Protein backbone atom coordinates (compact mmCIF):
# COMPACT_ATOMS: atom_id res chain seq x y z
CA UNK A 1 13.59 -39.68 20.42
CA UNK A 2 13.77 -36.53 20.96
CA UNK A 3 16.91 -36.66 17.91
CA UNK A 4 14.24 -38.34 15.26
CA UNK A 5 11.95 -35.34 16.67
CA UNK A 6 14.11 -32.83 15.84
CA UNK A 7 14.46 -34.18 12.14
CA UNK A 8 11.17 -33.80 11.76
CA UNK A 9 10.59 -30.63 13.24
CA UNK A 10 13.36 -29.66 10.61
CA UNK A 11 12.12 -31.42 7.93
CA UNK A 12 8.56 -29.88 8.54
CA UNK A 13 9.87 -26.30 8.54
CA UNK A 14 12.12 -26.69 5.16
CA UNK A 15 8.68 -28.29 3.58
CA UNK A 16 6.83 -25.24 4.67
CA UNK A 17 9.01 -22.45 3.85
CA UNK A 18 9.43 -24.31 0.51
CA UNK A 19 4.94 -23.95 0.18
CA UNK A 20 5.28 -20.03 1.48
CA UNK A 21 8.05 -19.25 -1.12
CA UNK A 22 5.66 -20.53 -3.64
CA UNK A 23 2.55 -19.89 -2.64
CA UNK A 24 4.32 -16.21 -2.69
CA UNK A 25 5.70 -17.03 -5.97
CA UNK A 26 1.79 -18.02 -7.07
CA UNK A 27 0.33 -14.69 -5.23
CA UNK A 28 2.56 -12.34 -7.09
CA UNK A 29 1.76 -14.12 -10.53
CA UNK A 30 -1.90 -13.65 -10.17
CA UNK A 31 -1.35 -10.35 -8.99
CA UNK A 32 0.08 -9.12 -12.08
CA UNK A 33 -2.61 -11.17 -13.95
CA UNK A 34 -5.21 -8.75 -12.14
CA UNK A 35 -3.48 -5.93 -13.26
CA UNK A 36 -3.75 -7.01 -16.36
CA UNK A 37 -7.79 -7.50 -16.06
CA UNK A 38 -8.34 -4.08 -14.81
CA UNK A 39 -6.93 -2.74 -17.20
CA UNK A 40 -8.37 -5.22 -20.75
CA UNK A 41 -11.90 -3.40 -18.15
CA UNK A 42 -11.25 -0.08 -18.79
CA UNK A 43 -10.44 -0.56 -22.20
CA UNK A 44 -13.45 -2.34 -23.22
CA UNK A 45 -15.78 0.32 -21.10
CA UNK A 46 -13.65 2.49 -23.47
CA UNK A 47 -14.48 1.29 -26.44
CA UNK A 48 -17.74 0.21 -25.54
CA UNK A 49 -18.32 4.05 -24.64
CA UNK A 50 -16.87 4.59 -28.17
CA UNK A 51 -19.61 2.27 -30.36
CA UNK A 52 -22.27 3.97 -28.61
CA UNK A 53 -21.34 6.95 -29.66
CA UNK A 54 -20.60 5.99 -33.17
CA UNK A 55 -23.61 4.23 -33.42
CA UNK A 56 -25.91 6.84 -33.89
CA UNK A 57 -23.66 8.42 -37.12
CA UNK A 58 -23.44 4.61 -38.15
CA UNK A 59 -27.21 4.30 -38.28
CA UNK A 60 -27.68 7.99 -39.64
CA UNK A 61 -25.20 6.96 -42.62
CA UNK A 62 -26.92 3.60 -42.84
CA UNK A 63 -30.67 5.17 -43.50
CA UNK A 64 -29.72 7.90 -45.72
CA UNK A 65 -27.56 4.93 -47.93
CA UNK A 66 -24.21 6.36 -48.17
CA UNK A 67 -22.48 3.98 -46.17
C-alpha cells in the first residue's frame, strides 16, 4: 500500500514538474510577444503623430490644386 502511494506521489511530482516547465516556456513566449506588441504600439503612435503633422500640409496642397 505504501509503495503504491509512493509511486502515485512520484508520478504526480514528475507530471507537475513537466507542467511547470511548460508553463514557464509559455510565459517566456508571451512575455516576448508583449515586448513586440509594446514596440508596435509605440511605432503606431509615432506614425499617427507624423500623419497628424502632415495633414494640414496635404490639405493645403490639395486645396491649392498642387497635389
